[in-house]
């Protein structure tokens, strides 16, 4: 039986997924805001997020991403 990861790709086992927090943007009544998304992705998507420096590895990194005024 296959499993569909958050990225939309299918994997064979839950162990084939990577649970990650990623840098995201959302729009609301105040305009564009930084956000954090929690996902389970396949190996290829994990590598792509990693290559693009979009993975937040700790709560401290998540906090810094959300509270740093610079755009990354």
C-alpha atoms as a PDB file:
ATOM      1  CA  UNK A   1       0.000   0.000   0.000  1.00  0.00           C
ATOM      2  CA  UNK A   2       1.343   3.424  -0.851  1.00  0.00           C
ATOM      3  CA  UNK A   3       1.078   6.631   1.167  1.00  0.00           C
ATOM      4  CA  UNK A   4       0.628  10.103  -0.281  1.00  0.00           C
ATOM      5  CA  UNK A   5       2.989  12.597   1.384  1.00  0.00           C
ATOM      6  CA  UNK A   6       2.156  16.280   1.928  1.00  0.00           C
ATOM      7  CA  UNK A   7       4.104  17.080  -1.236  1.00  0.00           C
ATOM      8  CA  UNK A   8       1.664  14.983  -3.258  1.00  0.00           C
ATOM      9  CA  UNK A   9       4.118  12.215  -4.107  1.00  0.00           C
ATOM     10  CA  UNK A  10       3.548   8.607  -3.138  1.00  0.00           C
ATOM     11  CA  UNK A  11       5.895   6.639  -0.888  1.00  0.00           C
ATOM     12  CA  UNK A  12       5.727   2.963   0.091  1.00  0.00           C
ATOM     13  CA  UNK A  13       6.344   3.283   3.830  1.00  0.00           C
ATOM     14  CA  UNK A  14       5.792   6.049   6.377  1.00  0.00           C
ATOM     15  CA  UNK A  15       9.523   5.749   7.105  1.00  0.00           C
ATOM     16  CA  UNK A  16      10.113   7.055   3.559  1.00  0.00           C
ATOM     17  CA  UNK A  17       8.810  10.496   4.572  1.00  0.00           C
ATOM     18  CA  UNK A  18      10.630  13.418   6.170  1.00  0.00           C
ATOM     19  CA  UNK A  19       8.790  15.537   8.734  1.00  0.00           C
ATOM     20  CA  UNK A  20       9.928  19.121   8.233  1.00  0.00           C
ATOM     21  CA  UNK A  21       9.046  22.711   9.085  1.00  0.00           C
ATOM     22  CA  UNK A  22       9.442  25.087   6.131  1.00  0.00           C
ATOM     23  CA  UNK A  23       9.671  28.813   5.507  1.00  0.00           C
ATOM     24  CA  UNK A  24       6.396  30.002   3.988  1.00  0.00           C
ATOM     25  CA  UNK A  25       4.524  33.176   3.120  1.00  0.00           C
ATOM     26  CA  UNK A  26       0.801  33.838   3.503  1.00  0.00           C
ATOM     27  CA  UNK A  27      -1.377  36.814   2.747  1.00  0.00           C
ATOM     28  CA  UNK A  28      -3.984  38.261   5.075  1.00  0.00           C
ATOM     29  CA  UNK A  29      -5.621  41.628   5.729  1.00  0.00           C
ATOM     30  CA  UNK A  30      -2.204  43.057   6.728  1.00  0.00           C
ATOM     31  CA  UNK A  31      -0.521  41.902   3.501  1.00  0.00           C
ATOM     32  CA  UNK A  32       2.186  39.277   3.102  1.00  0.00           C
ATOM     33  CA  UNK A  33       3.332  37.643   6.337  1.00  0.00           C
ATOM     34  CA  UNK A  34       5.958  35.031   7.100  1.00  0.00           C
ATOM     35  CA  UNK A  35       4.634  31.638   8.218  1.00  0.00           C
ATOM     36  CA  UNK A  36       5.845  28.160   9.121  1.00  0.00           C
ATOM     37  CA  UNK A  37       4.371  25.040   7.506  1.00  0.00           C
ATOM     38  CA  UNK A  38       4.722  21.530   8.902  1.00  0.00           C
ATOM     39  CA  UNK A  39       4.867  18.785   6.269  1.00  0.00           C
ATOM     40  CA  UNK A  40       5.733  15.150   5.636  1.00  0.00           C
ATOM     41  CA  UNK A  41       7.503  15.013   2.281  1.00  0.00           C
ATOM     42  CA  UNK A  42       9.272  12.449   0.105  1.00  0.00           C
ATOM     43  CA  UNK A  43      13.059  12.248  -0.179  1.00  0.00           C
ATOM     44  CA  UNK A  44      13.212  14.177  -3.474  1.00  0.00           C
ATOM     45  CA  UNK A  45      11.140  17.056  -2.108  1.00  0.00           C
ATOM     46  CA  UNK A  46      13.153  17.040   1.120  1.00  0.00           C
ATOM     47  CA  UNK A  47      16.336  17.448  -0.924  1.00  0.00           C
ATOM     48  CA  UNK A  48      14.736  20.287  -2.925  1.00  0.00           C
ATOM     49  CA  UNK A  49      13.640  22.152   0.233  1.00  0.00           C
ATOM     50  CA  UNK A  50      17.114  21.634   1.679  1.00  0.00           C
ATOM     51  CA  UNK A  51      18.822  22.889  -1.503  1.00  0.00           C
ATOM     52  CA  UNK A  52      16.652  26.029  -1.374  1.00  0.00           C
ATOM     53  CA  UNK A  53      17.435  26.632   2.327  1.00  0.00           C
ATOM     54  CA  UNK A  54      13.724  26.439   3.141  1.00  0.00           C
ATOM     55  CA  UNK A  55      13.877  24.011   6.090  1.00  0.00           C
ATOM     56  CA  UNK A  56      13.694  25.304   9.653  1.00  0.00           C
ATOM     57  CA  UNK A  57      15.548  22.824  11.877  1.00  0.00           C
ATOM     58  CA  UNK A  58      14.593  24.039  15.352  1.00  0.00           C
ATOM     59  CA  UNK A  59      12.063  26.093  17.262  1.00  0.00           C
ATOM     60  CA  UNK A  60      14.707  28.832  17.533  1.00  0.00           C
ATOM     61  CA  UNK A  61      15.034  28.960  13.731  1.00  0.00           C
ATOM     62  CA  UNK A  62      11.244  29.077  13.413  1.00  0.00           C
ATOM     63  CA  UNK A  63      11.092  31.982  15.874  1.00  0.00           C
ATOM     64  CA  UNK A  64      13.879  33.837  14.055  1.00  0.00           C
ATOM     65  CA  UNK A  65      12.166  33.315  10.676  1.00  0.00           C
ATOM     66  CA  UNK A  66       8.868  34.685  11.960  1.00  0.00           C
ATOM     67  CA  UNK A  67      10.341  37.658  13.817  1.00  0.00           C
ATOM     68  CA  UNK A  68      13.200  38.731  11.541  1.00  0.00           C
ATOM     69  CA  UNK A  69      12.075  41.687   9.412  1.00  0.00           C
ATOM     70  CA  UNK A  70      14.507  40.886   6.598  1.00  0.00           C
ATOM     71  CA  UNK A  71      13.142  38.991   3.619  1.00  0.00           C
ATOM     72  CA  UNK A  72      14.988  35.739   2.933  1.00  0.00           C
END
